[in-house]
Amino acid sequence: MEKHWWENYPWRMIQTNLREIDMEHINAREYAKQLKDFGATVVTLNSAGILASYETEHPYHAVSQFLHGDSLAQLIDACHEEGIRVIARTDFSKVHYDLYEKHPQWAYRTSKGEIMNYNGDVQVCPNGDYQQKVMFEILEEVLTRFPFDGVFCNMSGFLVVDYSGKYYGPCHCDNCTRRFREQFGLEVPLTDDFKDPDYLKYIAFKKGVTDRHKAKMRDLVKSIREDLCMNNLDYIRSESNTEIGRPQWLYSASSNSRLSAGRKRLRPSDNASVDFMGFRYRDTSVSPALMELRQWQNLANSNCVSMYIMGTLDNHADRSGFAPTKRVFEFHKTHQALYTGLHSAAKVLLLRKGMWQRTDPETAGWIRALTESHIPFDEMNLDELQGKDQLQGITTLILGDLKGLKPAQTDIFTDFAREGGTVIATGETRLPDQGIEEITEVRHNAMSAVFALNENEKSIFIHCADAPYIAPGQDIMLVKPAKTAAAWLHLIDEHPFGPPERCYYTEQSITAAPGIIVNPCGLGQIITIPFRIGAMYRNEGYQNSLNLLQDVLSGLAHVSSLAPDSSPMFEATLSAKDDMQVIQLVNTSGCFANSYFPPLPISGIRLELDFEPGEIHTLNGGTVDVQGHCLVLDQLKEYEAIVLKK
């Protein structure tokens, strides 16, 4: 098969979201030269949708009134002359109010028949003719008229909130109402309630609509040109962003990059580091240190770097994040031959529900524990796992509260364990061979219950030995283990809390319900934690939770750390190609509460290998002392890459 341009391409993306006024005086050669000087190899450029950045011939495509600078064609040609690939940015999620008035049947509708009108832009429904027909006509026009290298569609799907965060609920337009009734014989639910079985059917309905829409777009794009790089197919775009009032997530860029790139790093991961603070502050940058940290995280976890700004590089007034970002772009450019073709050498895989990370605290807690324990790992959306061949090289799977698994999925996990792997299943994850004879109770409001260690368990749970009461959080399953399983910890049930005189438990509170069940499965094992220990760590952040997570990983699953007993304030990834391995370290010590500052140097990091290395060199100025199978890095600044040859 012929190699496409994006395969093993040195991906350094700058997404310039142009405001309509930016086209008034834009100079194509200056625009392209600034991108080139910054180190970009790819740019995402506005083209179509809410506004056409060119003189369109389509009657339903609004043309920008500011097209007085250089043309879209000139912008693309200038970028190509500088060796920069150009991705067409489109957004078909909204139409202007005057077009809505002519075609009200295109609009999203609340259960009361109201539209989502935000400053004159009206949200459209994926089941309406605008997205079902008009969108594809406009796409065909823009992709046949202009020599774009790829296409990105922004904000597609069933959107239920506006830019201010106001919630509107599921779409009740005539098309959605009719089609959902035809498919399921039901009315569209009023709210997003995952406990409502009708809403679960509505989720399946939405997935069917979006899957068919994506397939139709793929067929169109590839029929125009096979070498057009398409988002969600040939490359995966995600964002590390912030919003006012939303908790920040230190590992956003690392996690998004791992998930998008895939274990073999066959597709570019375009995890855009968003320059601005949030929708209402699009001209104000986040902290410069955060911009740099995200790029090192992108690089260490996907071999790509990416930045997203409003406007162009020369008219973006707040450039505080430019210099630190450019440093990483220049570093990647210098060493791009090394990063090209690197794939993950991690042996642990974390399965995700397929949602944005901030909505899944159980997964986020495991990401924290693995990262802060310096255990290299990969991430994968559950629906991307189609067979056990995708698990080649993996020794440990983590299933964080994955309810409602399909038989085909549980078969993959069971086969993986039978062939010698370890499966860690938490919360209400149910597997056929996990060693649970009976679930006696499921609670979602536990208040003072704890799981406790016996004295004879402290040699296994060494991190918990001095803190033997484990706080599980509110969600716990009380289970009776099978005779084949080993049971660890025991539940001390609800007991009084309040005045200190009443805060104690009695013998009546002590139960036999275990906190961990380990069941042999063929040559491997399934470890069950019947509560959401990851969510407890993500939400509360106490050492108590991390202790248990680390004991499960090291004491029961026998997972090795690259840097045991080292500071938790750096990330460690392990990559490989040919006869070479690369350890990448990212310093996260600059994160202080919800602020980001330049990181403090970390000295004397001891790395443990499973082989004695041959030739060694570093890329960012560090010095390594070799001590048998161990390496000692003299100092970690913001980032280091250690290249090892066996």
Foldseek 3Di string as FASTA:
>chain_A
DDDFQQFLHQAEEEEAAEDLQLQQADDQLVQLVVCVVLQHQEYEDEAFAQEHQAPDPDPQTHHRPRNNHDGPQSNCVNNVVSNHAYEYEYENQWYFQVSCVVPVLQFFAAPVGDWDADPRITGGALQHCCLVPVVLVVVLVRVLVHPHQAYDYPPDFFDQADQVRDGRAGGQRPRLQVVLCVVPVDGRDNHCDPVDPSNVSVVVVRVVSVVVSVVVVVVSNVVSPVRHQYDPPQFDEAEQAAAPPDDHALCQLLQQLLAGCAQQSRHAYAYEYEQFHGDVTQLHGAALQSLLLSQLSNCQRRVHGHYYHYHGPVPSPPCNNSVSSSVSSVLSVVCSVVSRRKGFLAQEEEEDQPDRPVVDQLSSLLVLLCFLQQHAYGYYYLVVDDALVSNPNHQEYEYFQDPDDDPSSLVRVLVSFQVAHEYEYEAPDDHPQQFFPDFPDWWQAFDPKWWFFDPVCCVLLVLCNVPGTADQHGTFIFTDGHPQKDFGTWMQGDADDDPPVRPDGDPVRTDRRGQWIWHRRNNGIYIYGNGSLSSCCSVPVDVSSSSVSVSCVCRPNVRDHQFGPFGSQKGWGWIDDDQKIKIKIAGRQQCDRNGGDFHDKGAWGKTAAPAAFDDKDKSPDWDWDGDGRMITTGIDGRMIMMMTGD
